[in-house]
PDB file of N, CA and C in Angstrom:
ATOM      1  N   MET A   1      80.726-215.451  -5.147  1.00  0.00           N
ATOM      2  CA  MET A   1      79.944-215.132  -3.758  1.00  0.00           C
ATOM      3  C   MET A   1      79.510-216.581  -3.080  1.00  0.00           C
ATOM      4  N   ILE A   2      79.590-216.625  -1.916  1.00  0.00           N
ATOM      5  CA  ILE A   2      79.182-217.862  -1.275  1.00  0.00           C
ATOM      6  C   ILE A   2      77.888-217.779  -0.666  1.00  0.00           C
ATOM      7  N   LYS A   3      77.236-218.871  -0.923  1.00  0.00           N
ATOM      8  CA  LYS A   3      75.848-219.198  -0.300  1.00  0.00           C
ATOM      9  C   LYS A   3      75.779-219.200   1.258  1.00  0.00           C
ATOM     10  N   ASN A   4      74.906-218.711   1.846  1.00  0.00           N
ATOM     11  CA  ASN A   4      74.824-218.814   3.277  1.00  0.00           C
ATOM     12  C   ASN A   4      73.419-219.077   3.844  1.00  0.00           C
ATOM     13  N   ILE A   5      73.411-219.859   4.886  1.00  0.00           N
ATOM     14  CA  ILE A   5      72.161-220.081   5.616  1.00  0.00           C
ATOM     15  C   ILE A   5      72.298-219.899   7.152  1.00  0.00           C
ATOM     16  N   GLU A   6      71.313-219.726   7.839  1.00  0.00           N
ATOM     17  CA  GLU A   6      71.253-219.747   9.283  1.00  0.00           C
ATOM     18  C   GLU A   6      71.337-220.894   9.899  1.00  0.00           C
ATOM     19  N   ILE A   7      71.808-221.170  11.129  1.00  0.00           N
ATOM     20  CA  ILE A   7      72.011-222.584  11.559  1.00  0.00           C
ATOM     21  C   ILE A   7      70.752-223.330  11.738  1.00  0.00           C
ATOM     22  N   GLN A   8      69.715-222.602  12.166  1.00  0.00           N
ATOM     23  CA  GLN A   8      68.236-223.077  12.339  1.00  0.00           C
ATOM     24  C   GLN A   8      67.752-223.609  11.021  1.00  0.00           C
ATOM     25  N   GLU A   9      68.220-223.313   9.948  1.00  0.00           N
ATOM     26  CA  GLU A   9      67.868-223.892   8.552  1.00  0.00           C
ATOM     27  C   GLU A   9      68.323-225.430   8.527  1.00  0.00           C
ATOM     28  N   LEU A  10      69.386-225.673   9.061  1.00  0.00           N
ATOM     29  CA  LEU A  10      70.120-227.164   9.073  1.00  0.00           C
ATOM     30  C   LEU A  10      69.124-228.258   9.558  1.00  0.00           C
ATOM     31  N   VAL A  11      68.100-227.874  10.116  1.00  0.00           N
ATOM     32  CA  VAL A  11      67.033-228.821  10.611  1.00  0.00           C
ATOM     33  C   VAL A  11      66.468-229.558   9.368  1.00  0.00           C
ATOM     34  N   ASN A  12      66.311-228.773   8.347  1.00  0.00           N
ATOM     35  CA  ASN A  12      65.682-229.261   7.071  1.00  0.00           C
ATOM     36  C   ASN A  12      66.631-230.047   6.144  1.00  0.00           C
ATOM     37  N   VAL A  13      67.878-229.991   6.537  1.00  0.00           N
ATOM     38  CA  VAL A  13      68.794-230.815   5.971  1.00  0.00           C
ATOM     39  C   VAL A  13      68.746-232.289   6.090  1.00  0.00           C
ATOM     40  N   GLU A  14      68.342-232.924   5.157  1.00  0.00           N
ATOM     41  CA  GLU A  14      68.014-234.453   5.385  1.00  0.00           C
ATOM     42  C   GLU A  14      69.394-235.255   5.476  1.00  0.00           C
ATOM     43  N   GLU A  15      70.435-234.937   4.810  1.00  0.00           N
ATOM     44  CA  GLU A  15      71.618-235.634   4.824  1.00  0.00           C
ATOM     45  C   GLU A  15      72.495-235.105   5.895  1.00  0.00           C
ATOM     46  N   LYS A  16      72.332-235.307   7.115  1.00  0.00           N
ATOM     47  CA  LYS A  16      73.360-234.761   8.149  1.00  0.00           C
ATOM     48  C   LYS A  16      74.664-235.018   7.932  1.00  0.00           C
ATOM     49  N   SER A  17      75.286-236.039   7.280  1.00  0.00           N
ATOM     50  CA  SER A  17      76.588-236.417   6.962  1.00  0.00           C
ATOM     51  C   SER A  17      77.169-235.401   6.029  1.00  0.00           C
ATOM     52  N   ASN A  18      76.282-234.478   5.508  1.00  0.00           N
ATOM     53  CA  ASN A  18      76.815-233.534   4.579  1.00  0.00           C
ATOM     54  C   ASN A  18      77.007-232.198   5.304  1.00  0.00           C
ATOM     55  N   ILE A  19      76.817-232.285   6.701  1.00  0.00           N
ATOM     56  CA  ILE A  19      77.164-231.013   7.575  1.00  0.00           C
ATOM     57  C   ILE A  19      78.749-231.407   7.984  1.00  0.00           C
ATOM     58  N   ILE A  20      79.563-230.228   7.644  1.00  0.00           N
ATOM     59  CA  ILE A  20      80.918-230.403   7.937  1.00  0.00           C
ATOM     60  C   ILE A  20      81.348-229.399   8.863  1.00  0.00           C
ATOM     61  N   ASP A  21      81.722-229.862  10.059  1.00  0.00           N
ATOM     62  CA  ASP A  21      82.194-228.786  11.231  1.00  0.00           C
ATOM     63  C   ASP A  21      83.757-228.868  11.099  1.00  0.00           C
ATOM     64  N   VAL A  22      84.046-227.583  10.828  1.00  0.00           N
ATOM     65  CA  VAL A  22      85.551-227.299  10.516  1.00  0.00           C
ATOM     66  C   VAL A  22      86.357-226.841  11.808  1.00  0.00           C
ATOM     67  N   ARG A  23      85.667-226.936  13.114  1.00  0.00           N
ATOM     68  CA  ARG A  23      86.375-226.592  14.287  1.00  0.00           C
ATOM     69  C   ARG A  23      87.330-227.732  14.583  1.00  0.00           C
ATOM     70  N   GLU A  24      88.144-227.382  15.543  1.00  0.00           N
ATOM     71  CA  GLU A  24      89.326-228.226  15.835  1.00  0.00           C
ATOM     72  C   GLU A  24      88.588-229.439  16.889  1.00  0.00           C
ATOM     73  N   PRO A  25      88.996-230.393  17.128  1.00  0.00           N
ATOM     74  CA  PRO A  25      88.306-231.541  17.987  1.00  0.00           C
ATOM     75  C   PRO A  25      88.036-230.748  19.472  1.00  0.00           C
ATOM     76  N   TYR A  26      88.879-230.317  20.060  1.00  0.00           N
ATOM     77  CA  TYR A  26      88.889-229.605  21.478  1.00  0.00           C
ATOM     78  C   TYR A  26      87.451-228.807  21.432  1.00  0.00           C
ATOM     79  N   GLU A  27      87.326-228.069  20.430  1.00  0.00           N
ATOM     80  CA  GLU A  27      86.069-227.129  20.355  1.00  0.00           C
ATOM     81  C   GLU A  27      84.732-227.751  20.396  1.00  0.00           C
ATOM     82  N   LEU A  28      84.513-229.059  20.161  1.00  0.00           N
ATOM     83  CA  LEU A  28      83.433-229.794  20.110  1.00  0.00           C
ATOM     84  C   LEU A  28      82.849-230.012  21.539  1.00  0.00           C
ATOM     85  N   ASN A  29      83.824-229.924  22.724  1.00  0.00           N
ATOM     86  CA  ASN A  29      83.172-229.909  23.958  1.00  0.00           C
ATOM     87  C   ASN A  29      82.076-228.719  24.325  1.00  0.00           C
ATOM     88  N   SER A  30      82.017-227.953  23.570  1.00  0.00           N
ATOM     89  CA  SER A  30      81.157-226.665  23.684  1.00  0.00           C
ATOM     90  C   SER A  30      79.771-226.975  23.017  1.00  0.00           C
ATOM     91  N   GLY A  31      79.682-228.201  22.276  1.00  0.00           N
ATOM     92  CA  GLY A  31      78.549-228.425  21.620  1.00  0.00           C
ATOM     93  C   GLY A  31      78.798-228.859  20.198  1.00  0.00           C
ATOM     94  N   TYR A  32      77.920-229.694  19.566  1.00  0.00           N
ATOM     95  CA  TYR A  32      78.096-230.096  18.089  1.00  0.00           C
ATOM     96  C   TYR A  32      76.729-230.570  17.632  1.00  0.00           C
ATOM     97  N   ILE A  33      76.509-230.581  16.313  1.00  0.00           N
ATOM     98  CA  ILE A  33      75.374-230.967  15.635  1.00  0.00           C
ATOM     99  C   ILE A  33      75.465-232.486  15.299  1.00  0.00           C
ATOM    100  N   GLU A  34      74.444-233.075  15.924  1.00  0.00           N
ATOM    101  CA  GLU A  34      74.720-234.606  15.834  1.00  0.00           C
ATOM    102  C   GLU A  34      74.477-234.996  14.626  1.00  0.00           C
ATOM    103  N   GLY A  35      75.352-235.808  13.999  1.00  0.00           N
ATOM    104  CA  GLY A  35      75.436-236.443  12.612  1.00  0.00           C
ATOM    105  C   GLY A  35      76.590-235.635  11.787  1.00  0.00           C
ATOM    106  N   ALA A  36      76.815-234.285  12.238  1.00  0.00           N
ATOM    107  CA  ALA A  36      77.763-233.671  11.300  1.00  0.00           C
ATOM    108  C   ALA A  36      79.291-234.479  11.632  1.00  0.00           C
ATOM    109  N   LYS A  37      79.983-234.119  10.408  1.00  0.00           N
ATOM    110  CA  LYS A  37      81.430-234.541  10.428  1.00  0.00           C
ATOM    111  C   LYS A  37      82.371-233.667  10.824  1.00  0.00           C
ATOM    112  N   ASN A  38      83.341-233.991  11.860  1.00  0.00           N
ATOM    113  CA  ASN A  38      84.257-233.087  12.277  1.00  0.00           C
ATOM    114  C   ASN A  38      85.503-233.245  11.432  1.00  0.00           C
ATOM    115  N   ILE A  39      85.788-232.238  10.426  1.00  0.00           N
ATOM    116  CA  ILE A  39      87.062-232.282   9.726  1.00  0.00           C
ATOM    117  C   ILE A  39      87.614-230.886   9.921  1.00  0.00           C
ATOM    118  N   PRO A  40      88.503-230.691  10.775  1.00  0.00           N
ATOM    119  CA  PRO A  40      89.142-229.383  10.944  1.00  0.00           C
ATOM    120  C   PRO A  40      89.513-228.703   9.702  1.00  0.00           C
ATOM    121  N   MET A  41      89.429-227.386   9.726  1.00  0.00           N
ATOM    122  CA  MET A  41      89.651-226.543   8.414  1.00  0.00           C
ATOM    123  C   MET A  41      90.974-226.958   7.765  1.00  0.00           C
ATOM    124  N   GLY A  42      91.955-226.972   8.421  1.00  0.00           N
ATOM    125  CA  GLY A  42      93.348-227.303   7.782  1.00  0.00           C
ATOM    126  C   GLY A  42      93.531-228.421   7.257  1.00  0.00           C
ATOM    127  N   ILE A  43      92.873-229.326   7.710  1.00  0.00           N
ATOM    128  CA  ILE A  43      92.817-230.952   7.303  1.00  0.00           C
ATOM    129  C   ILE A  43      92.123-230.956   5.791  1.00  0.00           C
ATOM    130  N   LEU A  44      90.854-230.358   6.087  1.00  0.00           N
ATOM    131  CA  LEU A  44      89.794-230.323   4.915  1.00  0.00           C
ATOM    132  C   LEU A  44      90.397-229.703   3.629  1.00  0.00           C
ATOM    133  N   LEU A  45      90.991-228.610   3.942  1.00  0.00           N
ATOM    134  CA  LEU A  45      91.466-227.748   2.902  1.00  0.00           C
ATOM    135  C   LEU A  45      92.844-228.261   2.267  1.00  0.00           C
ATOM    136  N   MET A  46      93.706-229.089   2.989  1.00  0.00           N
ATOM    137  CA  MET A  46      94.778-229.806   2.511  1.00  0.00           C
ATOM    138  C   MET A  46      94.514-230.675   1.490  1.00  0.00           C
ATOM    139  N   ASP A  47      93.265-231.496   1.549  1.00  0.00           N
ATOM    140  CA  ASP A  47      93.154-232.417   0.590  1.00  0.00           C
ATOM    141  C   ASP A  47      91.499-232.689   0.631  1.00  0.00           C
ATOM    142  N   PRO A  48      90.834-231.790   0.134  1.00  0.00           N
ATOM    143  CA  PRO A  48      89.336-231.866   0.001  1.00  0.00           C
ATOM    144  C   PRO A  48      88.745-233.103  -0.691  1.00  0.00           C
ATOM    145  N   ASP A  49      89.356-233.475  -1.834  1.00  0.00           N
ATOM    146  CA  ASP A  49      88.950-234.629  -2.544  1.00  0.00           C
ATOM    147  C   ASP A  49      88.864-235.793  -1.729  1.00  0.00           C
ATOM    148  N   ASN A  50      89.711-235.876  -0.619  1.00  0.00           N
ATOM    149  CA  ASN A  50      89.632-237.161   0.324  1.00  0.00           C
ATOM    150  C   ASN A  50      88.479-237.078   1.140  1.00  0.00           C
ATOM    151  N   TYR A  51      87.929-235.883   1.316  1.00  0.00           N
ATOM    152  CA  TYR A  51      86.694-235.930   2.368  1.00  0.00           C
ATOM    153  C   TYR A  51      85.285-235.722   1.626  1.00  0.00           C
ATOM    154  N   ILE A  52      85.401-234.930   0.560  1.00  0.00           N
ATOM    155  CA  ILE A  52      84.029-234.492   0.003  1.00  0.00           C
ATOM    156  C   ILE A  52      84.160-234.517  -1.488  1.00  0.00           C
ATOM    157  N   ASN A  53      83.022-234.507  -2.037  1.00  0.00           N
ATOM    158  CA  ASN A  53      82.908-234.743  -3.624  1.00  0.00           C
ATOM    159  C   ASN A  53      82.087-233.602  -4.210  1.00  0.00           C
ATOM    160  N   LYS A  54      82.409-233.382  -5.457  1.00  0.00           N
ATOM    161  CA  LYS A  54      81.911-232.242  -6.097  1.00  0.00           C
ATOM    162  C   LYS A  54      80.453-232.432  -6.561  1.00  0.00           C
ATOM    163  N   GLU A  55      79.894-233.545  -6.297  1.00  0.00           N
ATOM    164  CA  GLU A  55      78.479-234.161  -6.863  1.00  0.00           C
ATOM    165  C   GLU A  55      77.523-233.608  -5.814  1.00  0.00           C
ATOM    166  N   GLN A  56      78.044-233.376  -4.582  1.00  0.00           N
ATOM    167  CA  GLN A  56      76.986-233.128  -3.519  1.00  0.00           C
ATOM    168  C   GLN A  56      77.250-231.723  -2.886  1.00  0.00           C
ATOM    169  N   THR A  57      76.079-231.207  -2.179  1.00  0.00           N
ATOM    170  CA  THR A  57      76.220-230.034  -1.580  1.00  0.00           C
ATOM    171  C   THR A  57      76.507-230.394  -0.066  1.00  0.00           C
ATOM    172  N   TYR A  58      77.585-229.457   0.483  1.00  0.00           N
ATOM    173  CA  TYR A  58      77.844-229.647   1.756  1.00  0.00           C
ATOM    174  C   TYR A  58      77.718-228.310   2.532  1.00  0.00           C
ATOM    175  N   PHE A  59      77.344-228.443   3.904  1.00  0.00           N
ATOM    176  CA  PHE A  59      76.902-227.213   4.752  1.00  0.00           C
ATOM    177  C   PHE A  59      78.148-227.043   5.730  1.00  0.00           C
ATOM    178  N   ILE A  60      78.855-226.020   5.629  1.00  0.00           N
ATOM    179  CA  ILE A  60      80.118-225.950   6.305  1.00  0.00           C
ATOM    180  C   ILE A  60      79.854-225.064   7.732  1.00  0.00           C
ATOM    181  N   VAL A  61      80.267-225.564   8.824  1.00  0.00           N
ATOM    182  CA  VAL A  61      79.863-224.757  10.150  1.00  0.00           C
ATOM    183  C   VAL A  61      81.317-224.670  10.987  1.00  0.00           C
ATOM    184  N   CYS A  62      81.197-223.706  11.751  1.00  0.00           N
ATOM    185  CA  CYS A  62      82.578-223.269  12.673  1.00  0.00           C
ATOM    186  C   CYS A  62      81.854-222.863  14.030  1.00  0.00           C
ATOM    187  N   ALA A  63      82.599-222.052  14.757  1.00  0.00           N
ATOM    188  CA  ALA A  63      82.086-221.578  15.975  1.00  0.00           C
ATOM    189  C   ALA A  63      81.146-220.406  15.631  1.00  0.00           C
ATOM    190  N   SER A  64      81.689-219.427  14.798  1.00  0.00           N
ATOM    191  CA  SER A  64      81.136-218.342  14.533  1.00  0.00           C
ATOM    192  C   SER A  64      80.592-217.950  13.231  1.00  0.00           C
ATOM    193  N   GLY A  65      81.092-218.646  12.084  1.00  0.00           N
ATOM    194  CA  GLY A  65      80.807-218.440  10.726  1.00  0.00           C
ATOM    195  C   GLY A  65      81.958-217.841  10.012  1.00  0.00           C
ATOM    196  N   SER A  66      82.986-217.389  10.661  1.00  0.00           N
ATOM    197  CA  SER A  66      84.172-216.909  10.091  1.00  0.00           C
ATOM    198  C   SER A  66      84.975-217.738   9.268  1.00  0.00           C
ATOM    199  N   ARG A  67      85.465-218.882  10.092  1.00  0.00           N
ATOM    200  CA  ARG A  67      86.181-219.881   9.579  1.00  0.00           C
ATOM    201  C   ARG A  67      85.488-220.633   8.410  1.00  0.00           C
ATOM    202  N   SER A  68      84.355-220.818   8.654  1.00  0.00           N
ATOM    203  CA  SER A  68      83.430-221.756   7.790  1.00  0.00           C
ATOM    204  C   SER A  68      83.361-220.696   6.417  1.00  0.00           C
ATOM    205  N   GLY A  69      83.144-219.504   6.588  1.00  0.00           N
ATOM    206  CA  GLY A  69      83.011-218.655   5.319  1.00  0.00           C
ATOM    207  C   GLY A  69      84.306-218.709   4.577  1.00  0.00           C
ATOM    208  N   ARG A  70      85.547-218.801   5.221  1.00  0.00           N
ATOM    209  CA  ARG A  70      86.724-218.812   4.453  1.00  0.00           C
ATOM    210  C   ARG A  70      87.015-220.110   3.883  1.00  0.00           C
ATOM    211  N   THR A  71      86.535-221.174   4.562  1.00  0.00           N
ATOM    212  CA  THR A  71      86.562-222.581   3.981  1.00  0.00           C
ATOM    213  C   THR A  71      85.629-222.763   2.723  1.00  0.00           C
ATOM    214  N   CYS A  72      84.626-221.991   2.857  1.00  0.00           N
ATOM    215  CA  CYS A  72      83.597-222.228   1.700  1.00  0.00           C
ATOM    216  C   CYS A  72      84.308-221.371   0.374  1.00  0.00           C
ATOM    217  N   MET A  73      84.918-220.213   0.726  1.00  0.00           N
ATOM    218  CA  MET A  73      85.402-219.585  -0.364  1.00  0.00           C
ATOM    219  C   MET A  73      86.602-220.316  -1.185  1.00  0.00           C
ATOM    220  N   MET A  74      87.353-221.020  -0.367  1.00  0.00           N
ATOM    221  CA  MET A  74      88.536-221.766  -0.894  1.00  0.00           C
ATOM    222  C   MET A  74      87.973-223.103  -1.635  1.00  0.00           C
ATOM    223  N   LEU A  75      86.931-223.767  -1.040  1.00  0.00           N
ATOM    224  CA  LEU A  75      86.378-225.051  -1.605  1.00  0.00           C
ATOM    225  C   LEU A  75      85.524-224.599  -2.822  1.00  0.00           C
ATOM    226  N   GLN A  76      84.823-223.473  -2.685  1.00  0.00           N
ATOM    227  CA  GLN A  76      84.082-223.197  -3.918  1.00  0.00           C
ATOM    228  C   GLN A  76      85.015-222.648  -5.087  1.00  0.00           C
ATOM    229  N   ASP A  77      86.298-222.117  -4.753  1.00  0.00           N
ATOM    230  CA  ASP A  77      87.266-222.006  -5.873  1.00  0.00           C
ATOM    231  C   ASP A  77      87.696-223.200  -6.442  1.00  0.00           C
ATOM    232  N   LYS A  78      87.759-224.325  -5.810  1.00  0.00           N
ATOM    233  CA  LYS A  78      88.221-225.666  -6.373  1.00  0.00           C
ATOM    234  C   LYS A  78      87.047-226.343  -6.868  1.00  0.00           C
ATOM    235  N   GLY A  79      85.808-225.778  -7.032  1.00  0.00           N
ATOM    236  CA  GLY A  79      84.803-226.519  -7.688  1.00  0.00           C
ATOM    237  C   GLY A  79      83.677-227.267  -6.780  1.00  0.00           C
ATOM    238  N   PHE A  80      83.972-227.116  -5.432  1.00  0.00           N
ATOM    239  CA  PHE A  80      82.881-227.863  -4.605  1.00  0.00           C
ATOM    240  C   PHE A  80      81.682-227.093  -4.524  1.00  0.00           C
ATOM    241  N   ASN A  81      80.516-227.561  -4.052  1.00  0.00           N
ATOM    242  CA  ASN A  81      79.134-226.993  -3.905  1.00  0.00           C
ATOM    243  C   ASN A  81      78.938-226.996  -2.481  1.00  0.00           C
ATOM    244  N   VAL A  82      79.289-225.706  -1.812  1.00  0.00           N
ATOM    245  CA  VAL A  82      79.172-225.508  -0.410  1.00  0.00           C
ATOM    246  C   VAL A  82      78.464-224.367   0.046  1.00  0.00           C
ATOM    247  N   VAL A  83      77.852-224.513   1.322  1.00  0.00           N
ATOM    248  CA  VAL A  83      76.964-223.354   1.766  1.00  0.00           C
ATOM    249  C   VAL A  83      77.537-223.075   3.230  1.00  0.00           C
ATOM    250  N   ASN A  84      77.794-221.845   3.456  1.00  0.00           N
ATOM    251  CA  ASN A  84      78.346-221.349   4.805  1.00  0.00           C
ATOM    252  C   ASN A  84      77.060-221.296   5.750  1.00  0.00           C
ATOM    253  N   VAL A  85      77.306-221.822   6.942  1.00  0.00           N
ATOM    254  CA  VAL A  85      76.352-221.696   8.211  1.00  0.00           C
ATOM    255  C   VAL A  85      76.693-220.481   8.935  1.00  0.00           C
ATOM    256  N   SER A  86      75.985-219.320   8.519  1.00  0.00           N
ATOM    257  CA  SER A  86      76.577-217.923   9.148  1.00  0.00           C
ATOM    258  C   SER A  86      75.970-218.006  10.576  1.00  0.00           C
ATOM    259  N   GLY A  87      76.865-217.330  11.520  1.00  0.00           N
ATOM    260  CA  GLY A  87      76.457-217.290  12.926  1.00  0.00           C
ATOM    261  C   GLY A  87      77.164-218.527  13.580  1.00  0.00           C
ATOM    262  N   GLY A  88      77.453-219.587  12.924  1.00  0.00           N
ATOM    263  CA  GLY A  88      78.054-220.954  13.448  1.00  0.00           C
ATOM    264  C   GLY A  88      77.312-221.408  14.670  1.00  0.00           C
ATOM    265  N   MET A  89      78.100-222.166  15.443  1.00  0.00           N
ATOM    266  CA  MET A  89      77.639-222.834  16.673  1.00  0.00           C
ATOM    267  C   MET A  89      77.242-221.719  17.640  1.00  0.00           C
ATOM    268  N   TYR A  90      77.813-220.642  17.747  1.00  0.00           N
ATOM    269  CA  TYR A  90      77.521-219.630  18.736  1.00  0.00           C
ATOM    270  C   TYR A  90      75.917-219.343  18.591  1.00  0.00           C
ATOM    271  N   SER A  91      75.405-219.471  17.383  1.00  0.00           N
ATOM    272  CA  SER A  91      73.882-219.124  17.061  1.00  0.00           C
ATOM    273  C   SER A  91      72.927-220.428  17.493  1.00  0.00           C
ATOM    274  N   TYR A  92      73.773-221.617  17.506  1.00  0.00           N
ATOM    275  CA  TYR A  92      73.023-222.824  17.828  1.00  0.00           C
ATOM    276  C   TYR A  92      72.476-222.954  19.056  1.00  0.00           C
ATOM    277  N   ARG A  93      73.441-222.551  20.147  1.00  0.00           N
ATOM    278  CA  ARG A  93      73.087-222.736  21.559  1.00  0.00           C
ATOM    279  C   ARG A  93      71.922-222.192  21.972  1.00  0.00           C
TER     280      ARG A  93
END
């Protein structure tokens, strides 16, 4: 089971670089979280060890929370400590 938080709770995340936005680059035109890293879902899942490490916790966000939820399930199965941001950027605006 994956962990979930609401997007408003990201205000309390001190290490903004641990927020990973898995949307495609063109989707950032509709808004983004300052300090978050944009790594599209397909690229991140192809080689997660190249982008994140298993010693840290990462907060995964997308547009609605669906893509980030799937990403979290796959990364968690590979041993990564991830938290899904439910509601995604739609909830942020």
